Each structure stands twice: as C-alpha cells, then as structure tokens.
Amino acid sequence: MSTTIPRETARHVLWRYGHKGGAHPGSFTQHLMAAIEAADLQNRAILRDTYPALSAALHLARYDETGIAQLQRIATGEGPLGCRCGDTAGPFTADGRCETCSGDAQ
C-alpha cells in the first residue's frame, strides 16, 4: 500500500532540510519531524502508523536519492512522477502516482 504525501507535508519536509519549495510548519509539526527522526525502530513504527504521510516524506528526503526532487514536484504541483493518467492536481503517493492510479494497483 502506498502512502499519499500531500503538498503541505512535502513543503514542510523540504523546509526541514533547507531545500527550495519548503514552507515553515507549525511548532507541533517541527517537533513531530524531530521525534520521527530520533525515534528507535519500535517507536518509529508507532509514529509511522500514526503519521504515515509525514513519515513517508521524511524517509524520501533522507534515504531516496531522488526523494528531494519528488518532494519538490509534489510541493509545486507539477504533477506525479510517471503517473499514467497525467493527473497534476494531486495529492500523490510516494512513488509519484495520483490517488486514483495508486488505488488501481491495490
């Protein structure tokens, strides 16, 4: 199952890492991002279940070599990466597909 990353979440993660397209989140989201990053495996799993989009976006930014570019595309609304339907409104999944196409794969 893919997790949809909303535009606002992508912008918050980009801000956290100092990349173009970022937007300053509220203090709760800032602390939540820090907690997800600092958590051990068990607690990170709990946070991932509770905050799947934020966890997926942070994972993209930290561990995927194209993650920042994917988040920037989500943040700017340029459209999904490789979505077969051409949807540009979003929100998009971590693999760059729109919700409709992501649902087809399930």
C-alpha atoms as a PDB file:
ATOM      1  CA  MET A   1       0.000   0.000   0.000  1.00  0.00           C
ATOM      2  CA  SER A   2       1.340   3.422  -0.975  1.00  0.00           C
ATOM      3  CA  THR A   3       1.113   6.447   1.249  1.00  0.00           C
ATOM      4  CA  THR A   4      -0.119   9.703  -0.231  1.00  0.00           C
ATOM      5  CA  ILE A   5       2.055  12.703   0.549  1.00  0.00           C
ATOM      6  CA  PRO A   6       0.035  15.935   0.492  1.00  0.00           C
ATOM      7  CA  ARG A   7       1.558  19.101  -0.931  1.00  0.00           C
ATOM      8  CA  GLU A   8       1.747  20.765   2.504  1.00  0.00           C
ATOM      9  CA  THR A   9       3.615  17.809   4.006  1.00  0.00           C
ATOM     10  CA  ALA A  10       6.125  17.814   1.151  1.00  0.00           C
ATOM     11  CA  ARG A  11       6.705  21.525   1.704  1.00  0.00           C
ATOM     12  CA  HIS A  12       7.269  21.032   5.429  1.00  0.00           C
ATOM     13  CA  VAL A  13       9.865  18.302   4.855  1.00  0.00           C
ATOM     14  CA  LEU A  14      11.624  20.390   2.227  1.00  0.00           C
ATOM     15  CA  TRP A  15      11.799  23.231   4.763  1.00  0.00           C
ATOM     16  CA  ARG A  16      13.273  20.873   7.379  1.00  0.00           C
ATOM     17  CA  TYR A  17      16.156  20.023   5.070  1.00  0.00           C
ATOM     18  CA  GLY A  18      16.590  23.559   3.729  1.00  0.00           C
ATOM     19  CA  HIS A  19      15.508  22.870   0.158  1.00  0.00           C
ATOM     20  CA  LYS A  20      13.748  25.078  -2.363  1.00  0.00           C
ATOM     21  CA  GLY A  21       9.978  24.864  -2.194  1.00  0.00           C
ATOM     22  CA  GLY A  22       9.831  24.401   1.564  1.00  0.00           C
ATOM     23  CA  ALA A  23       7.351  26.043   3.908  1.00  0.00           C
ATOM     24  CA  HIS A  24       7.783  26.668   7.622  1.00  0.00           C
ATOM     25  CA  PRO A  25       5.491  24.321   9.581  1.00  0.00           C
ATOM     26  CA  GLY A  26       3.989  24.969  12.995  1.00  0.00           C
ATOM     27  CA  SER A  27       5.864  24.053  16.136  1.00  0.00           C
ATOM     28  CA  PHE A  28       3.997  20.766  16.616  1.00  0.00           C
ATOM     29  CA  THR A  29       4.984  19.552  13.155  1.00  0.00           C
ATOM     30  CA  GLN A  30       8.570  20.656  13.729  1.00  0.00           C
ATOM     31  CA  HIS A  31       8.740  18.646  16.950  1.00  0.00           C
ATOM     32  CA  LEU A  32       6.979  15.702  15.322  1.00  0.00           C
ATOM     33  CA  MET A  33       9.523  15.593  12.492  1.00  0.00           C
ATOM     34  CA  ALA A  34      12.343  15.662  15.034  1.00  0.00           C
ATOM     35  CA  ALA A  35      10.686  12.871  17.031  1.00  0.00           C
ATOM     36  CA  ILE A  36      10.242  10.657  13.963  1.00  0.00           C
ATOM     37  CA  GLU A  37      13.880  11.124  13.003  1.00  0.00           C
ATOM     38  CA  ALA A  38      15.169  10.497  16.531  1.00  0.00           C
ATOM     39  CA  ALA A  39      12.955   7.508  17.327  1.00  0.00           C
ATOM     40  CA  ASP A  40      14.247   3.975  17.689  1.00  0.00           C
ATOM     41  CA  LEU A  41      12.784   1.314  15.373  1.00  0.00           C
ATOM     42  CA  GLN A  42       9.850   0.395  17.610  1.00  0.00           C
ATOM     43  CA  ASN A  43       8.774   3.974  18.248  1.00  0.00           C
ATOM     44  CA  ARG A  44       9.374   4.984  14.647  1.00  0.00           C
ATOM     45  CA  ALA A  45       6.958   2.227  13.605  1.00  0.00           C
ATOM     46  CA  ILE A  46       4.351   3.601  16.003  1.00  0.00           C
ATOM     47  CA  LEU A  47       4.821   7.116  14.636  1.00  0.00           C
ATOM     48  CA  ARG A  48       4.727   5.810  11.054  1.00  0.00           C
ATOM     49  CA  ASP A  49       1.359   4.161  11.732  1.00  0.00           C
ATOM     50  CA  THR A  50       0.015   7.379  13.234  1.00  0.00           C
ATOM     51  CA  TYR A  51       1.612   9.844  10.777  1.00  0.00           C
ATOM     52  CA  PRO A  52       2.132   7.846   7.567  1.00  0.00           C
ATOM     53  CA  ALA A  53       2.425  10.771   5.126  1.00  0.00           C
ATOM     54  CA  LEU A  54       4.939  12.691   7.206  1.00  0.00           C
ATOM     55  CA  SER A  55       6.958   9.540   7.869  1.00  0.00           C
ATOM     56  CA  ALA A  56       6.991   8.665   4.156  1.00  0.00           C
ATOM     57  CA  ALA A  57       8.073  12.175   3.183  1.00  0.00           C
ATOM     58  CA  LEU A  58      10.882  12.213   5.750  1.00  0.00           C
ATOM     59  CA  HIS A  59      12.013   8.790   4.530  1.00  0.00           C
ATOM     60  CA  LEU A  60      12.061  10.026   0.922  1.00  0.00           C
ATOM     61  CA  ALA A  61      14.135  13.056   1.873  1.00  0.00           C
ATOM     62  CA  ARG A  62      16.679  11.101   3.876  1.00  0.00           C
ATOM     63  CA  TYR A  63      17.058   7.790   2.078  1.00  0.00           C
ATOM     64  CA  ASP A  64      15.930   8.088  -1.547  1.00  0.00           C
ATOM     65  CA  GLU A  65      18.428   9.651  -3.970  1.00  0.00           C
ATOM     66  CA  THR A  66      15.541  11.215  -5.929  1.00  0.00           C
ATOM     67  CA  GLY A  67      13.450  11.942  -2.832  1.00  0.00           C
ATOM     68  CA  ILE A  68      14.046  15.678  -2.691  1.00  0.00           C
ATOM     69  CA  ALA A  69      13.158  16.046  -6.367  1.00  0.00           C
ATOM     70  CA  GLN A  70       9.987  14.008  -5.832  1.00  0.00           C
ATOM     71  CA  LEU A  71       9.001  16.146  -2.850  1.00  0.00           C
ATOM     72  CA  GLN A  72       9.666  19.333  -4.828  1.00  0.00           C
ATOM     73  CA  ARG A  73       7.393  18.118  -7.613  1.00  0.00           C
ATOM     74  CA  ILE A  74       4.661  17.291  -5.114  1.00  0.00           C
ATOM     75  CA  ALA A  75       5.157  20.649  -3.365  1.00  0.00           C
ATOM     76  CA  THR A  76       4.911  22.671  -6.561  1.00  0.00           C
ATOM     77  CA  GLY A  77       2.021  20.703  -8.014  1.00  0.00           C
ATOM     78  CA  GLU A  78       3.920  19.911 -11.199  1.00  0.00           C
ATOM     79  CA  GLY A  79       2.295  16.536 -11.282  1.00  0.00           C
ATOM     80  CA  PRO A  80       3.067  12.982 -10.421  1.00  0.00           C
ATOM     81  CA  LEU A  81       6.231  11.270 -11.496  1.00  0.00           C
ATOM     82  CA  GLY A  82       5.246   8.742 -14.118  1.00  0.00           C
ATOM     83  CA  CYS A  83       1.505   8.736 -13.395  1.00  0.00           C
ATOM     84  CA  ARG A  84      -0.186   7.099 -16.356  1.00  0.00           C
ATOM     85  CA  CYS A  85      -3.284   9.311 -16.219  1.00  0.00           C
ATOM     86  CA  GLY A  86      -1.498  12.676 -16.263  1.00  0.00           C
ATOM     87  CA  ASP A  87      -3.187  13.977 -13.103  1.00  0.00           C
ATOM     88  CA  THR A  88      -1.499  17.184 -11.956  1.00  0.00           C
ATOM     89  CA  ALA A  89      -3.801  18.122  -9.061  1.00  0.00           C
ATOM     90  CA  GLY A  90      -2.565  15.566  -6.505  1.00  0.00           C
ATOM     91  CA  PRO A  91      -2.185  14.520  -3.829  1.00  0.00           C
ATOM     92  CA  PHE A  92       0.352  11.949  -4.900  1.00  0.00           C
ATOM     93  CA  THR A  93       1.819   8.799  -3.440  1.00  0.00           C
ATOM     94  CA  ALA A  94       5.484   8.450  -2.532  1.00  0.00           C
ATOM     95  CA  ASP A  95       6.106   6.675  -5.849  1.00  0.00           C
ATOM     96  CA  GLY A  96       4.682   9.645  -7.776  1.00  0.00           C
ATOM     97  CA  ARG A  97       1.259   8.316  -8.754  1.00  0.00           C
ATOM     98  CA  CYS A  98      -2.068  10.015  -8.123  1.00  0.00           C
ATOM     99  CA  GLU A  99      -4.514   8.550  -5.605  1.00  0.00           C
ATOM    100  CA  THR A 100      -6.711   7.148  -8.367  1.00  0.00           C
ATOM    101  CA  CYS A 101      -3.900   5.235 -10.076  1.00  0.00           C
ATOM    102  CA  SER A 102      -2.499   4.162  -6.736  1.00  0.00           C
ATOM    103  CA  GLY A 103      -5.883   2.709  -5.843  1.00  0.00           C
ATOM    104  CA  ASP A 104      -5.943   0.725  -9.097  1.00  0.00           C
ATOM    105  CA  ALA A 105      -2.772  -1.077  -8.064  1.00  0.00           C
ATOM    106  CA  GLN A 106      -4.214  -2.310  -4.790  1.00  0.00           C
END
